[in-house]
C-alpha atoms as a PDB file:
ATOM      1  CA  MET A   1       3.909  23.361 -12.778  1.00  0.00           C
ATOM      2  CA  ILE A   2       5.086  21.843  -9.310  1.00  0.00           C
ATOM      3  CA  ARG A   3       5.274  17.965  -9.639  1.00  0.00           C
ATOM      4  CA  SER A   4       6.108  15.484  -6.890  1.00  0.00           C
ATOM      5  CA  THR A   5       8.964  13.493  -7.787  1.00  0.00           C
ATOM      6  CA  PHE A   6       9.817  10.251  -6.650  1.00  0.00           C
ATOM      7  CA  ILE A   7      13.479  10.442  -4.949  1.00  0.00           C
ATOM      8  CA  ALA A   8      13.805   7.215  -2.954  1.00  0.00           C
ATOM      9  CA  SER A   9      12.115   4.115  -1.214  1.00  0.00           C
ATOM     10  CA  GLY A  10      12.138   2.113   1.772  1.00  0.00           C
ATOM     11  CA  ALA A  11      11.099  -1.225   2.993  1.00  0.00           C
ATOM     12  CA  TYR A  12      11.064  -3.228   5.825  1.00  0.00           C
ATOM     13  CA  LEU A  13       9.377  -6.805   6.829  1.00  0.00           C
ATOM     14  CA  PRO A  14       9.465  -8.448  10.108  1.00  0.00           C
ATOM     15  CA  GLU A  15      11.824 -11.277  10.640  1.00  0.00           C
ATOM     16  CA  LYS A  16       9.082 -14.154  11.487  1.00  0.00           C
ATOM     17  CA  ILE A  17       7.631 -15.937   8.403  1.00  0.00           C
ATOM     18  CA  LEU A  18       4.911 -18.286   8.585  1.00  0.00           C
ATOM     19  CA  THR A  19       4.538 -20.453   5.372  1.00  0.00           C
ATOM     20  CA  ASN A  20       1.394 -22.191   3.850  1.00  0.00           C
ATOM     21  CA  ALA A  21       3.045 -25.435   5.790  1.00  0.00           C
ATOM     22  CA  ASP A  22       2.914 -23.435   8.761  1.00  0.00           C
ATOM     23  CA  LEU A  23      -0.712 -23.068   8.449  1.00  0.00           C
ATOM     24  CA  GLU A  24      -1.529 -26.526   7.714  1.00  0.00           C
ATOM     25  CA  GLN A  25      -1.029 -26.973  11.498  1.00  0.00           C
ATOM     26  CA  MET A  26      -3.050 -24.110  12.787  1.00  0.00           C
ATOM     27  CA  VAL A  27      -6.136 -24.372  10.651  1.00  0.00           C
ATOM     28  CA  ASP A  28      -8.084 -26.833   8.182  1.00  0.00           C
ATOM     29  CA  THR A  29      -6.048 -25.982   4.821  1.00  0.00           C
ATOM     30  CA  ASN A  30      -3.195 -27.132   2.715  1.00  0.00           C
ATOM     31  CA  ASP A  31      -0.295 -25.439   0.566  1.00  0.00           C
ATOM     32  CA  ALA A  32      -2.065 -26.510  -2.788  1.00  0.00           C
ATOM     33  CA  TRP A  33      -5.426 -25.208  -1.790  1.00  0.00           C
ATOM     34  CA  ILE A  34      -4.190 -21.838  -0.569  1.00  0.00           C
ATOM     35  CA  THR A  35      -1.648 -21.532  -3.611  1.00  0.00           C
ATOM     36  CA  GLU A  36      -4.104 -22.313  -6.355  1.00  0.00           C
ATOM     37  CA  ARG A  37      -6.598 -19.656  -4.857  1.00  0.00           C
ATOM     38  CA  THR A  38      -4.458 -17.089  -3.841  1.00  0.00           C
ATOM     39  CA  GLY A  39      -0.692 -17.362  -5.117  1.00  0.00           C
ATOM     40  CA  ILE A  40       0.447 -16.683  -1.607  1.00  0.00           C
ATOM     41  CA  LYS A  41       3.239 -19.259  -0.269  1.00  0.00           C
ATOM     42  CA  THR A  42       4.759 -17.132   2.751  1.00  0.00           C
ATOM     43  CA  ARG A  43       3.939 -14.090   4.834  1.00  0.00           C
ATOM     44  CA  HIS A  44       5.911 -12.102   7.363  1.00  0.00           C
ATOM     45  CA  ILE A  45       4.199 -11.843  10.959  1.00  0.00           C
ATOM     46  CA  VAL A  46       5.416  -9.016  13.686  1.00  0.00           C
ATOM     47  CA  ALA A  47       7.204 -10.165  16.607  1.00  0.00           C
ATOM     48  CA  GLU A  48       5.234 -10.027  20.051  1.00  0.00           C
ATOM     49  CA  ASN A  49       6.921  -6.641  21.132  1.00  0.00           C
ATOM     50  CA  GLU A  50       6.900  -5.253  17.538  1.00  0.00           C
ATOM     51  CA  MET A  51       4.369  -2.557  16.714  1.00  0.00           C
ATOM     52  CA  THR A  52       2.949  -0.585  13.396  1.00  0.00           C
ATOM     53  CA  SER A  53       5.658   2.141  14.546  1.00  0.00           C
ATOM     54  CA  ASP A  54       8.335  -0.126  14.202  1.00  0.00           C
ATOM     55  CA  LEU A  55       7.702  -1.289  10.986  1.00  0.00           C
ATOM     56  CA  ALA A  56       6.987   1.996   9.599  1.00  0.00           C
ATOM     57  CA  THR A  57       9.738   3.625  11.116  1.00  0.00           C
ATOM     58  CA  LYS A  58      12.677   1.002   9.708  1.00  0.00           C
ATOM     59  CA  ALA A  59      10.851   1.465   6.285  1.00  0.00           C
ATOM     60  CA  ALA A  60      11.290   5.457   6.765  1.00  0.00           C
ATOM     61  CA  GLN A  61      14.782   5.133   7.668  1.00  0.00           C
ATOM     62  CA  GLN A  62      15.654   2.923   4.671  1.00  0.00           C
ATOM     63  CA  ALA A  63      13.932   5.339   2.266  1.00  0.00           C
ATOM     64  CA  LEU A  64      16.006   8.393   4.061  1.00  0.00           C
ATOM     65  CA  LYS A  65      19.555   6.510   3.637  1.00  0.00           C
ATOM     66  CA  ASN A  66      18.517   5.878  -0.058  1.00  0.00           C
ATOM     67  CA  ALA A  67      17.465   9.513  -0.651  1.00  0.00           C
ATOM     68  CA  ASN A  68      20.777  10.564   0.898  1.00  0.00           C
ATOM     69  CA  ILE A  69      19.002  12.984   3.261  1.00  0.00           C
ATOM     70  CA  THR A  70      18.076  13.860   6.622  1.00  0.00           C
ATOM     71  CA  ALA A  71      14.632  13.401   8.827  1.00  0.00           C
ATOM     72  CA  ASP A  72      14.848  17.336   9.362  1.00  0.00           C
ATOM     73  CA  GLU A  73      14.913  17.825   5.752  1.00  0.00           C
ATOM     74  CA  LEU A  74      11.082  16.368   5.708  1.00  0.00           C
ATOM     75  CA  ASP A  75       8.539  18.958   5.752  1.00  0.00           C
ATOM     76  CA  LEU A  76       5.825  16.174   6.139  1.00  0.00           C
ATOM     77  CA  ILE A  77       5.181  12.564   7.065  1.00  0.00           C
ATOM     78  CA  ILE A  78       1.653  10.648   5.962  1.00  0.00           C
ATOM     79  CA  LEU A  79       1.282   7.161   7.457  1.00  0.00           C
ATOM     80  CA  ALA A  80      -1.622   5.097   5.959  1.00  0.00           C
ATOM     81  CA  THR A  81      -2.590   2.291   8.272  1.00  0.00           C
ATOM     82  CA  THR A  82      -5.443   0.261   9.295  1.00  0.00           C
ATOM     83  CA  THR A  83      -3.577  -1.226  12.495  1.00  0.00           C
ATOM     84  CA  PRO A  84      -2.489   2.376  14.384  1.00  0.00           C
ATOM     85  CA  ASP A  85      -0.212   1.508  17.625  1.00  0.00           C
ATOM     86  CA  ASN A  86      -2.955   3.203  19.530  1.00  0.00           C
ATOM     87  CA  THR A  87      -6.255   4.726  18.830  1.00  0.00           C
ATOM     88  CA  PHE A  88      -4.395   8.556  19.243  1.00  0.00           C
ATOM     89  CA  PRO A  89      -1.603   9.716  19.212  1.00  0.00           C
ATOM     90  CA  SER A  90      -1.429   8.912  15.528  1.00  0.00           C
ATOM     91  CA  THR A  91       1.280   6.535  14.371  1.00  0.00           C
ATOM     92  CA  ALA A  92       2.687   8.997  12.131  1.00  0.00           C
ATOM     93  CA  CYS A  93       3.585  11.167  15.512  1.00  0.00           C
ATOM     94  CA  LYS A  94       5.565   8.258  16.919  1.00  0.00           C
ATOM     95  CA  VAL A  95       7.404   7.512  13.431  1.00  0.00           C
ATOM     96  CA  GLN A  96       8.309  11.167  13.163  1.00  0.00           C
ATOM     97  CA  ALA A  97       9.958  11.017  17.045  1.00  0.00           C
ATOM     98  CA  ASN A  98      11.704   8.000  16.024  1.00  0.00           C
ATOM     99  CA  LEU A  99      13.244   9.445  12.954  1.00  0.00           C
ATOM    100  CA  GLY A 100      14.461  12.192  15.630  1.00  0.00           C
ATOM    101  CA  ASN A 101      12.255  15.247  13.541  1.00  0.00           C
ATOM    102  CA  LYS A 102      10.483  17.427  16.057  1.00  0.00           C
ATOM    103  CA  THR A 103       8.319  20.129  14.110  1.00  0.00           C
ATOM    104  CA  CYS A 104       7.301  18.162  10.860  1.00  0.00           C
ATOM    105  CA  PRO A 105       3.165  17.642  10.939  1.00  0.00           C
ATOM    106  CA  ALA A 106       2.599  14.208  10.985  1.00  0.00           C
ATOM    107  CA  PHE A 107      -1.162  12.243  10.873  1.00  0.00           C
ATOM    108  CA  ASP A 108      -2.008   8.769   9.770  1.00  0.00           C
ATOM    109  CA  ILE A 109      -4.867   8.221   7.107  1.00  0.00           C
ATOM    110  CA  GLN A 110      -7.096   5.509   7.129  1.00  0.00           C
ATOM    111  CA  ALA A 111      -8.306   3.815   3.499  1.00  0.00           C
ATOM    112  CA  VAL A 112      -7.559   0.085   4.519  1.00  0.00           C
ATOM    113  CA  CYS A 113      -5.660  -1.098   1.265  1.00  0.00           C
ATOM    114  CA  THR A 114      -6.149   1.590  -0.530  1.00  0.00           C
ATOM    115  CA  GLY A 115      -4.618   3.892   2.109  1.00  0.00           C
ATOM    116  CA  PHE A 116      -1.351   4.095   0.411  1.00  0.00           C
ATOM    117  CA  ILE A 117      -3.029   5.582  -2.816  1.00  0.00           C
ATOM    118  CA  TYR A 118      -4.897   8.246  -0.656  1.00  0.00           C
ATOM    119  CA  ALA A 119      -1.818   8.976   0.874  1.00  0.00           C
ATOM    120  CA  LEU A 120       0.182   9.548  -2.265  1.00  0.00           C
ATOM    121  CA  ALA A 121      -2.567  11.980  -3.249  1.00  0.00           C
ATOM    122  CA  THR A 122      -2.510  14.077  -0.267  1.00  0.00           C
ATOM    123  CA  ALA A 123       1.006  14.211  -0.576  1.00  0.00           C
ATOM    124  CA  ASP A 124       0.794  15.435  -3.944  1.00  0.00           C
ATOM    125  CA  ASN A 125      -1.725  18.331  -3.237  1.00  0.00           C
ATOM    126  CA  PHE A 126       0.388  19.451  -0.552  1.00  0.00           C
ATOM    127  CA  ILE A 127       3.430  19.683  -2.634  1.00  0.00           C
ATOM    128  CA  LYS A 128       1.468  20.919  -5.721  1.00  0.00           C
ATOM    129  CA  SER A 129       0.409  23.758  -3.764  1.00  0.00           C
ATOM    130  CA  GLY A 130       3.681  24.776  -2.846  1.00  0.00           C
ATOM    131  CA  GLN A 131       2.835  24.142   0.976  1.00  0.00           C
ATOM    132  CA  TYR A 132       5.718  21.467   1.292  1.00  0.00           C
ATOM    133  CA  LYS A 133       8.791  20.325  -0.664  1.00  0.00           C
ATOM    134  CA  THR A 134       9.861  16.942   0.838  1.00  0.00           C
ATOM    135  CA  VAL A 135       7.273  14.700   1.891  1.00  0.00           C
ATOM    136  CA  MET A 136       7.571  11.230   3.208  1.00  0.00           C
ATOM    137  CA  VAL A 137       4.673   8.536   2.720  1.00  0.00           C
ATOM    138  CA  ILE A 138       4.382   5.459   4.575  1.00  0.00           C
ATOM    139  CA  GLY A 139       2.298   2.571   4.088  1.00  0.00           C
ATOM    140  CA  ALA A 140       2.577   0.052   7.230  1.00  0.00           C
ATOM    141  CA  ASP A 141       0.105  -2.655   8.611  1.00  0.00           C
ATOM    142  CA  SER A 142       0.342  -5.592  11.124  1.00  0.00           C
ATOM    143  CA  LEU A 143      -2.895  -7.105  10.041  1.00  0.00           C
ATOM    144  CA  SER A 144      -1.957 -10.391  11.672  1.00  0.00           C
ATOM    145  CA  ARG A 145      -3.001  -8.194  15.011  1.00  0.00           C
ATOM    146  CA  ILE A 146      -6.728  -8.211  13.597  1.00  0.00           C
ATOM    147  CA  VAL A 147      -7.006 -11.921  11.611  1.00  0.00           C
ATOM    148  CA  ASP A 148      -9.137 -14.704  13.244  1.00  0.00           C
ATOM    149  CA  TRP A 149      -6.773 -17.137  12.937  1.00  0.00           C
ATOM    150  CA  ASN A 150      -9.467 -19.776  13.304  1.00  0.00           C
ATOM    151  CA  ASP A 151     -11.108 -18.429  10.039  1.00  0.00           C
ATOM    152  CA  ARG A 152      -9.232 -20.531   7.131  1.00  0.00           C
ATOM    153  CA  GLY A 153     -10.916 -18.179   4.547  1.00  0.00           C
ATOM    154  CA  THR A 154      -9.394 -15.042   5.771  1.00  0.00           C
ATOM    155  CA  CYS A 155      -5.934 -15.727   7.806  1.00  0.00           C
ATOM    156  CA  ILE A 156      -4.417 -17.622   4.919  1.00  0.00           C
ATOM    157  CA  LEU A 157      -4.483 -13.945   2.777  1.00  0.00           C
ATOM    158  CA  PHE A 158      -2.644 -11.556   5.435  1.00  0.00           C
ATOM    159  CA  GLY A 159       0.685 -10.712   6.398  1.00  0.00           C
ATOM    160  CA  ASP A 160       2.583  -7.727   8.176  1.00  0.00           C
ATOM    161  CA  GLY A 161       5.011  -5.213   6.575  1.00  0.00           C
ATOM    162  CA  ALA A 162       6.041  -1.617   5.942  1.00  0.00           C
ATOM    163  CA  GLY A 163       7.056   0.320   2.716  1.00  0.00           C
ATOM    164  CA  ALA A 164       7.996   4.039   2.483  1.00  0.00           C
ATOM    165  CA  VAL A 165       8.531   6.658  -0.542  1.00  0.00           C
ATOM    166  CA  ILE A 166       9.964  10.230  -0.465  1.00  0.00           C
ATOM    167  CA  LEU A 167       8.751  12.543  -2.561  1.00  0.00           C
ATOM    168  CA  GLN A 168       9.980  16.176  -3.672  1.00  0.00           C
ATOM    169  CA  ALA A 169       8.702  19.173  -5.161  1.00  0.00           C
ATOM    170  CA  LYS A 170      10.375  19.802  -8.798  1.00  0.00           C
ATOM    171  CA  GLU A 171       9.010  22.551 -11.470  1.00  0.00           C
ATOM    172  CA  GLN A 172       7.989  21.075 -14.669  1.00  0.00           C
ATOM    173  CA  LEU A 173       6.408  21.839 -17.849  1.00  0.00           C
ATOM    174  CA  GLY A 174       3.001  20.410 -16.971  1.00  0.00           C
ATOM    175  CA  THR A 175       3.086  17.720 -19.605  1.00  0.00           C
ATOM    176  CA  ASN A 176       2.795  14.074 -19.640  1.00  0.00           C
ATOM    177  CA  GLN A 177       6.159  13.971 -20.367  1.00  0.00           C
ATOM    178  CA  ASP A 178       7.095  15.153 -16.822  1.00  0.00           C
ATOM    179  CA  THR A 179       8.167  12.758 -14.147  1.00  0.00           C
ATOM    180  CA  GLY A 180       6.712  12.188 -10.748  1.00  0.00           C
ATOM    181  CA  ILE A 181       3.061  11.958 -10.147  1.00  0.00           C
ATOM    182  CA  LEU A 182       0.731  13.050 -13.281  1.00  0.00           C
ATOM    183  CA  SER A 183      -2.103  12.360 -11.086  1.00  0.00           C
ATOM    184  CA  THR A 184      -4.428  10.387  -8.764  1.00  0.00           C
ATOM    185  CA  HIS A 185      -8.159   9.340  -8.811  1.00  0.00           C
ATOM    186  CA  LEU A 186      -9.887   8.355  -6.003  1.00  0.00           C
ATOM    187  CA  TYR A 187     -12.975   6.733  -5.048  1.00  0.00           C
ATOM    188  CA  SER A 188     -15.246   5.142  -1.875  1.00  0.00           C
ATOM    189  CA  ASP A 189     -18.834   3.656  -1.576  1.00  0.00           C
ATOM    190  CA  GLY A 190     -19.803   3.118   1.907  1.00  0.00           C
ATOM    191  CA  SER A 191     -22.762   1.315   0.958  1.00  0.00           C
ATOM    192  CA  THR A 192     -20.521  -1.643   0.226  1.00  0.00           C
ATOM    193  CA  ARG A 193     -18.838  -1.522   3.796  1.00  0.00           C
ATOM    194  CA  ASP A 194     -19.864  -4.780   4.941  1.00  0.00           C
ATOM    195  CA  LEU A 195     -18.269  -6.302   2.252  1.00  0.00           C
ATOM    196  CA  LEU A 196     -14.793  -6.184   4.154  1.00  0.00           C
ATOM    197  CA  TYR A 197     -14.585  -4.785   7.986  1.00  0.00           C
ATOM    198  CA  VAL A 198     -13.535  -5.110  11.229  1.00  0.00           C
ATOM    199  CA  ASP A 199     -16.310  -6.109  13.629  1.00  0.00           C
ATOM    200  CA  GLY A 200     -14.824  -3.919  16.414  1.00  0.00           C
ATOM    201  CA  GLY A 201     -13.754  -0.464  17.329  1.00  0.00           C
ATOM    202  CA  ALA A 202     -13.943   2.142  19.883  1.00  0.00           C
ATOM    203  CA  ALA A 203     -17.137   3.464  19.700  1.00  0.00           C
ATOM    204  CA  GLN A 204     -18.971   0.315  19.440  1.00  0.00           C
ATOM    205  CA  THR A 205     -17.704  -2.456  21.541  1.00  0.00           C
ATOM    206  CA  ASN A 206     -15.968  -0.852  24.580  1.00  0.00           C
ATOM    207  CA  GLY A 207     -12.699  -0.715  23.122  1.00  0.00           C
ATOM    208  CA  GLU A 208     -12.647  -4.041  21.737  1.00  0.00           C
ATOM    209  CA  VAL A 209     -10.386  -4.056  18.236  1.00  0.00           C
ATOM    210  CA  GLY A 210     -12.311  -6.969  16.535  1.00  0.00           C
ATOM    211  CA  LYS A 211     -11.464  -8.972  13.775  1.00  0.00           C
ATOM    212  CA  LEU A 212     -11.125  -8.621  10.354  1.00  0.00           C
ATOM    213  CA  ARG A 213     -14.266 -10.214   8.037  1.00  0.00           C
ATOM    214  CA  MET A 214     -14.399 -10.686   4.301  1.00  0.00           C
ATOM    215  CA  LEU A 215     -17.244 -11.781   2.130  1.00  0.00           C
ATOM    216  CA  GLY A 216     -14.296 -12.856  -0.522  1.00  0.00           C
ATOM    217  CA  THR A 217     -16.180 -13.512  -3.712  1.00  0.00           C
ATOM    218  CA  GLU A 218     -18.130 -10.404  -3.563  1.00  0.00           C
ATOM    219  CA  VAL A 219     -14.858  -8.530  -3.017  1.00  0.00           C
ATOM    220  CA  PHE A 220     -13.179 -10.073  -5.826  1.00  0.00           C
ATOM    221  CA  LYS A 221     -16.173  -8.842  -8.552  1.00  0.00           C
ATOM    222  CA  HIS A 222     -15.537  -5.344  -7.215  1.00  0.00           C
ATOM    223  CA  ALA A 223     -11.991  -5.747  -7.218  1.00  0.00           C
ATOM    224  CA  VAL A 224     -11.892  -6.444 -11.046  1.00  0.00           C
ATOM    225  CA  SER A 225     -13.797  -4.136 -12.399  1.00  0.00           C
ATOM    226  CA  LYS A 226     -13.092  -1.096 -10.314  1.00  0.00           C
ATOM    227  CA  LEU A 227      -9.000  -1.362 -10.611  1.00  0.00           C
ATOM    228  CA  VAL A 228      -9.576  -1.591 -14.499  1.00  0.00           C
ATOM    229  CA  GLN A 229     -11.757   1.529 -14.380  1.00  0.00           C
ATOM    230  CA  CYS A 230      -9.632   3.359 -12.380  1.00  0.00           C
ATOM    231  CA  SER A 231      -6.438   2.684 -14.078  1.00  0.00           C
ATOM    232  CA  LYS A 232      -8.258   3.259 -17.477  1.00  0.00           C
ATOM    233  CA  GLU A 233      -9.398   6.714 -16.120  1.00  0.00           C
ATOM    234  CA  ALA A 234      -5.591   7.358 -15.131  1.00  0.00           C
ATOM    235  CA  LEU A 235      -4.247   6.811 -18.725  1.00  0.00           C
ATOM    236  CA  GLU A 236      -6.899   8.762 -20.548  1.00  0.00           C
ATOM    237  CA  HIS A 237      -6.544  11.833 -18.093  1.00  0.00           C
ATOM    238  CA  ASN A 238      -2.967  12.051 -18.926  1.00  0.00           C
ATOM    239  CA  ASP A 239      -3.573  11.034 -22.863  1.00  0.00           C
ATOM    240  CA  PHE A 240      -1.487   7.574 -22.305  1.00  0.00           C
ATOM    241  CA  THR A 241      -2.554   4.513 -23.373  1.00  0.00           C
ATOM    242  CA  ILE A 242      -1.612   0.983 -21.637  1.00  0.00           C
ATOM    243  CA  GLU A 243       1.155   0.656 -24.449  1.00  0.00           C
ATOM    244  CA  ASN A 244       2.780   3.551 -22.879  1.00  0.00           C
ATOM    245  CA  VAL A 245       2.973   1.989 -19.712  1.00  0.00           C
ATOM    246  CA  ASP A 246       6.153  -0.172 -18.187  1.00  0.00           C
ATOM    247  CA  TRP A 247       4.535  -1.532 -15.105  1.00  0.00           C
ATOM    248  CA  ILE A 248       1.539  -1.967 -13.314  1.00  0.00           C
ATOM    249  CA  ILE A 249       1.630  -2.194  -9.778  1.00  0.00           C
ATOM    250  CA  PRO A 250      -1.505  -3.463  -7.817  1.00  0.00           C
ATOM    251  CA  HIS A 251      -2.425  -3.700  -4.188  1.00  0.00           C
ATOM    252  CA  GLN A 252      -1.211  -7.406  -3.458  1.00  0.00           C
ATOM    253  CA  ALA A 253      -4.126  -9.044  -2.484  1.00  0.00           C
ATOM    254  CA  ASN A 254      -4.622 -12.318  -4.287  1.00  0.00           C
ATOM    255  CA  GLN A 255      -2.883 -13.169  -7.614  1.00  0.00           C
ATOM    256  CA  ARG A 256      -6.094 -14.154  -9.184  1.00  0.00           C
ATOM    257  CA  ILE A 257      -7.358 -10.536  -8.703  1.00  0.00           C
ATOM    258  CA  LEU A 258      -3.743  -9.313 -10.232  1.00  0.00           C
ATOM    259  CA  GLU A 259      -3.926 -11.804 -13.244  1.00  0.00           C
ATOM    260  CA  ALA A 260      -7.633 -11.038 -14.054  1.00  0.00           C
ATOM    261  CA  THR A 261      -6.965  -7.200 -14.001  1.00  0.00           C
ATOM    262  CA  ALA A 262      -3.635  -7.185 -16.048  1.00  0.00           C
ATOM    263  CA  LYS A 263      -5.695  -9.245 -18.370  1.00  0.00           C
ATOM    264  CA  LYS A 264      -8.520  -7.302 -18.878  1.00  0.00           C
ATOM    265  CA  LEU A 265      -6.158  -3.964 -19.172  1.00  0.00           C
ATOM    266  CA  LYS A 266      -4.176  -6.325 -21.917  1.00  0.00           C
ATOM    267  CA  ALA A 267      -0.919  -5.717 -19.918  1.00  0.00           C
ATOM    268  CA  GLN A 268      -0.248  -9.020 -18.398  1.00  0.00           C
ATOM    269  CA  ASP A 269       3.429  -9.111 -19.044  1.00  0.00           C
ATOM    270  CA  LYS A 270       3.686  -5.685 -17.393  1.00  0.00           C
ATOM    271  CA  LEU A 271       2.292  -6.733 -13.960  1.00  0.00           C
ATOM    272  CA  ILE A 272       4.632  -6.760 -10.936  1.00  0.00           C
ATOM    273  CA  SER A 273       3.682  -9.196  -8.226  1.00  0.00           C
ATOM    274  CA  THR A 274       5.113  -9.376  -4.517  1.00  0.00           C
ATOM    275  CA  VAL A 275       2.117 -11.210  -3.196  1.00  0.00           C
ATOM    276  CA  ARG A 276       3.777 -14.907  -3.253  1.00  0.00           C
ATOM    277  CA  ASP A 277       6.333 -13.746  -0.637  1.00  0.00           C
ATOM    278  CA  HIS A 278       4.534 -11.348   1.481  1.00  0.00           C
ATOM    279  CA  ALA A 279       1.046 -11.947   1.086  1.00  0.00           C
ATOM    280  CA  ASN A 280      -1.502  -9.044   1.568  1.00  0.00           C
ATOM    281  CA  THR A 281      -0.227  -6.397   3.813  1.00  0.00           C
ATOM    282  CA  SER A 282      -2.626  -3.827   3.187  1.00  0.00           C
ATOM    283  CA  ALA A 283      -1.463  -0.195   2.818  1.00  0.00           C
ATOM    284  CA  ALA A 284       2.236  -1.387   2.679  1.00  0.00           C
ATOM    285  CA  SER A 285       1.851  -3.654  -0.435  1.00  0.00           C
ATOM    286  CA  ILE A 286       2.032  -0.904  -3.300  1.00  0.00           C
ATOM    287  CA  PRO A 287       5.432   0.511  -1.685  1.00  0.00           C
ATOM    288  CA  LEU A 288       6.956  -2.999  -0.513  1.00  0.00           C
ATOM    289  CA  ALA A 289       6.244  -4.094  -4.143  1.00  0.00           C
ATOM    290  CA  ILE A 290       7.767  -0.659  -5.590  1.00  0.00           C
ATOM    291  CA  ASN A 291      10.948  -1.264  -3.446  1.00  0.00           C
ATOM    292  CA  SER A 292      11.363  -4.655  -4.451  1.00  0.00           C
ATOM    293  CA  ALA A 293      10.819  -4.339  -8.146  1.00  0.00           C
ATOM    294  CA  ILE A 294      13.562  -1.341  -7.737  1.00  0.00           C
ATOM    295  CA  HIS A 295      16.016  -3.613  -5.968  1.00  0.00           C
ATOM    296  CA  ASP A 296      15.803  -6.350  -8.449  1.00  0.00           C
ATOM    297  CA  GLY A 297      16.630  -3.717 -11.297  1.00  0.00           C
ATOM    298  CA  LYS A 298      13.043  -4.196 -13.084  1.00  0.00           C
ATOM    299  CA  ILE A 299      11.858  -0.307 -12.413  1.00  0.00           C
ATOM    300  CA  LYS A 300      14.388   2.299 -13.954  1.00  0.00           C
ATOM    301  CA  ASN A 301      14.474   6.188 -14.470  1.00  0.00           C
ATOM    302  CA  GLY A 302      11.768   7.144 -16.705  1.00  0.00           C
ATOM    303  CA  ASP A 303       9.375   4.331 -16.572  1.00  0.00           C
ATOM    304  CA  LEU A 304       5.717   4.520 -16.311  1.00  0.00           C
ATOM    305  CA  LEU A 305       3.918   3.401 -13.483  1.00  0.00           C
ATOM    306  CA  VAL A 306       0.309   2.680 -13.168  1.00  0.00           C
ATOM    307  CA  LEU A 307      -0.462   2.264  -9.266  1.00  0.00           C
ATOM    308  CA  GLN A 308      -4.058   0.983  -8.673  1.00  0.00           C
ATOM    309  CA  ALA A 309      -5.693  -0.681  -4.899  1.00  0.00           C
ATOM    310  CA  ILE A 310      -8.969  -1.446  -3.748  1.00  0.00           C
ATOM    311  CA  GLY A 311     -10.023  -1.761  -0.047  1.00  0.00           C
ATOM    312  CA  GLY A 312     -12.429  -2.118   2.906  1.00  0.00           C
ATOM    313  CA  GLY A 313     -15.078   1.173   2.593  1.00  0.00           C
ATOM    314  CA  LEU A 314     -14.959   0.133  -0.192  1.00  0.00           C
ATOM    315  CA  THR A 315     -12.333   2.449  -1.429  1.00  0.00           C
ATOM    316  CA  TRP A 316     -10.192   2.453  -4.535  1.00  0.00           C
ATOM    317  CA  GLY A 317      -7.946   4.344  -6.541  1.00  0.00           C
ATOM    318  CA  SER A 318      -5.092   4.719  -9.157  1.00  0.00           C
ATOM    319  CA  CYS A 319      -2.287   7.015  -9.314  1.00  0.00           C
ATOM    320  CA  LEU A 320      -0.039   7.483 -12.475  1.00  0.00           C
ATOM    321  CA  ILE A 321       3.603   8.011 -11.780  1.00  0.00           C
ATOM    322  CA  LYS A 322       6.850   8.596 -13.712  1.00  0.00           C
ATOM    323  CA  ILE A 323      10.022   7.511 -12.098  1.00  0.00           C
END
């Protein structure tokens, strides 16, 4: 069968860094309180003239360079984002133009923090169908643009950035010893949409974007149980156990969520976390973490990874991939 194999990654973080000490000057908070509850120390913030497409383009360019291919070799570009440059056209189309590709289809996916998993699943199915061979999958967000900087419960959590991976079709045996994406598992429950949302949008507020709102305690409860469930499903579906896994790479939302999930999976020593330095970058967090772990020498060829995410919707899902 055809598998979607991983061939390269790329990442980009804006130059501006906002520390917990900086936030102490903006809202009623302090470094100790933020660190204890979230594990976050710093986050990157887009420049005034920087847009989500700029972040995504730079991550994509790095991925192309690492893969040693040109943009013209891409058959499809999928961009997961909650913070598009415009209502339309899609930010993916702007990235395609920036890369210099003039023909391949390009579109956005909106599943908030689960967006990158949804985008991987979409890319994987296009590849497995035989329709496309080489696909760029990007997660990029500029959450600082929709954060309420007067709300100390949310503004401490979020940052900006982009990560990209390139997938390529490869004929394999169809067993769990194959490399590439082995399976993806996606879910949503719209009845929980009021736990994490933005209070604006073109259809209800005359085009005003609105600000991010969250019931943090309730989101935490859903996050741990749902991330454990979908991760176990991915392993069972492919006849693996947690002992076979090399690394768990969650959506980097909050260190307490990451650690609680890893503990329930009995895989605390397999957790990759970048939330301390990047904060919650929504759809960008998983590809940023992948790229960081590859750069640090943690992830190696042949490693089995469980990717997991939960976000507004609520949406959640997992992906089992062998590098």
